[in-house]
Amino acid sequence: MTQDRQPQITLADSAVSRRDFIQGAAAIAAAMGVSLTYAAEAQERREAALKESRPVNCGIIGVGTQGYGQIFKSALSVPGVKMVAVCDIYEPNLQRALKDVPGAQGYKDYRALLDRPDIEAVLIATPLYLHAPIAIDALKAGKQVFCEKMMAYDIPSAKAMARAALDAKKILQIGHQRRADVLYNHAWEMIHSAKVCGKITHIRAQWNRNGSWRRTPVPKDTNDRHWNWRLYKEYSQGLMAELGTHQIHAVNWFLGAVPTAVIGMGGIDYWKDGRTVYDNVMVLFEYPNNVRFAYTSLTTNQYDGYYEQFMGDGGTLIISEDRKVSSACFREPRAQQEDWMKSAVNKETGQRGQSGLKLDPEATKKLNQSGVKVGERTLSGSVAGKSSYLLELEDFFNSIRTGSPVTCDWREALGCTVAACRANEAIARGTRIEIKPSDYTL
C-alpha cells in the first residue's frame, strides 16, 4: 500500500494504541454526525448485566493450551462464576487447572461431569472432532453450553448440535471471539454507519505463519494423533477450520450474508511429515451481489501476519486482532470528499504531494454529551483490560442470568462451518462448489 496509490488515514499503527483507533473512529463519526453506539451500548449492557451476580456453577471439558489459557482463565475472571468441575484426559493438564480452583472436582470422563445436577453451564474446549458429541450430550443433560470454534467437524454434526440446542431450549454459544471484540464492532459501524468503504465489492483476508504446526508429544510415547490432531483429517478440518473460520465469521458478519459458492487450491506441499491436512490453502468465496472474498493461509511464510481487508468503491478498511498489523482506512482517489476528511488535523505532506491525515483524538470528547463511552482500549485489544475471550464469556454468563443474546449463536457459527467445509471440498475436488441454501438451514 504505497502512498502513490491513495491517501491514507491511519487509525492505528505500530506506534498508536488501539485506544487511538477507537478515538479516531469516533472522530470520523463525530464529524459526519454519526454516533458510534453499537459497541458502546453493548458494553454498557454487558457491565449492567454483570451486576447481577447470581452464582453460576460451571464445568469445563478440555483444559489444554487453548482451553486452559484462554477459556478457563477467562471464565474465572467473570463475576459470580463458580468453576466446580474440570475434565481432561491428560493428568498434568487436569492437575494444572485444579490448582487454580481449590475444591473443584476433577474428571477423566466428561459424562461424569455432565451427570452432576448442580452444574448449570459447561465450557467445551476439546479437539474439533469431539465438539458435537460432547455438546449434544451436554445439551441433553440440560446444560447451557459454550463451545470453542469451529462449531463441529462437519455440516451434519453442526446441524445436530443446533437441533439439540433447540430441543433442549438451551444456550449454544460458539467461540468466535471477534464478535465480542470492541475494535471489530467499531469497524462494523464505520462500514455500515460511516460508510467509509462505500459499496463493498471485494474482501481479502489472510492468516500466515511460518512453522509446521506440529507439537512434540508429551510424554514421548503418546500417540502422535492425540497431540497433533489438527494435522489429521479424521480429527481436523485443518487451516480452514482452525484459522479460516475466525475470518470467515468476520466477513459473514460485516456483509450480513453467507457464501454461495467457493473455489480453491491447496496441498501438502512443504511439510512432508505424515500430515493429512493441507499446509497451505487459497480459496475464493462468492457472496450475494457479486461480492468476492479471497482467503489465504500459509505455514511457510508469515509476512503480513493476519488481517481482514474490506474494499469498496469509496475506500478500504483493514482490521486485525494482531497489534503489529496496522488497522487503517484508505480513501479511494475518486471517492467524494467527506466532511470528516476536511476536519482531520495534523496534516503531513507525504510522497508525491499526497497528504497523510491523522485524526484528532480530542474529537472523541464531542461524544460525551450523548453519553457514549469510547476509548477504553489497550494494545492487547481489550476494553478496560478485558480480552475478547473474556468479553465473549461475560456475554455467555450474562445470557444465562438475564436471557440477553449471546455474542455468537449457532446460526452464525453454522455459516462458518459450512463455508470452511465446502472450501476444503472444493480444494479436494479441484472444482467450483455451489453452496446450497439448504446447507445453512436445519
Foldseek 3Di string as FASTA:
>chain_A
DDCVFFAWAFQAALVRWVLSNFLQLLLLCVLQVHHLCQLLVVVVVLVVLLVPQAAAEEEEADQPDCNVPFQLVLQVVRHRYQHQEYEDLDVVSQVVSCVVHPNHYYYPDVVVVLPDPRHAAYEYDAFQQCQQVSLLSNLVSNHAYEYEPLNHLALVSLVSSVVSCVVSVHFYHYPLLCLNFSSLSSVLCCCVPVVQQPDWAEKEKEAEAADDQADQDVVNVDDRCRRRVLQESVGHLHPLTPPVLSVQLSVCVSVVWFFFKKAWAFACDPPPDPGDHTQKIWMWTAIPPNHIYIYIYHHRDCPQGIWMWTHHPFWIFIDDLQLNHGTTITGRPPHDDDSSNVQFDDWDQDPPRHIHTYHDSVSSVVCVVVVRDGSQAGSNSAGVPHHSSSSQVSQSVSCVVPVDDHSGGSLSSLSSNQVSVNHSVNNVVVHMGGRDPVSSPD
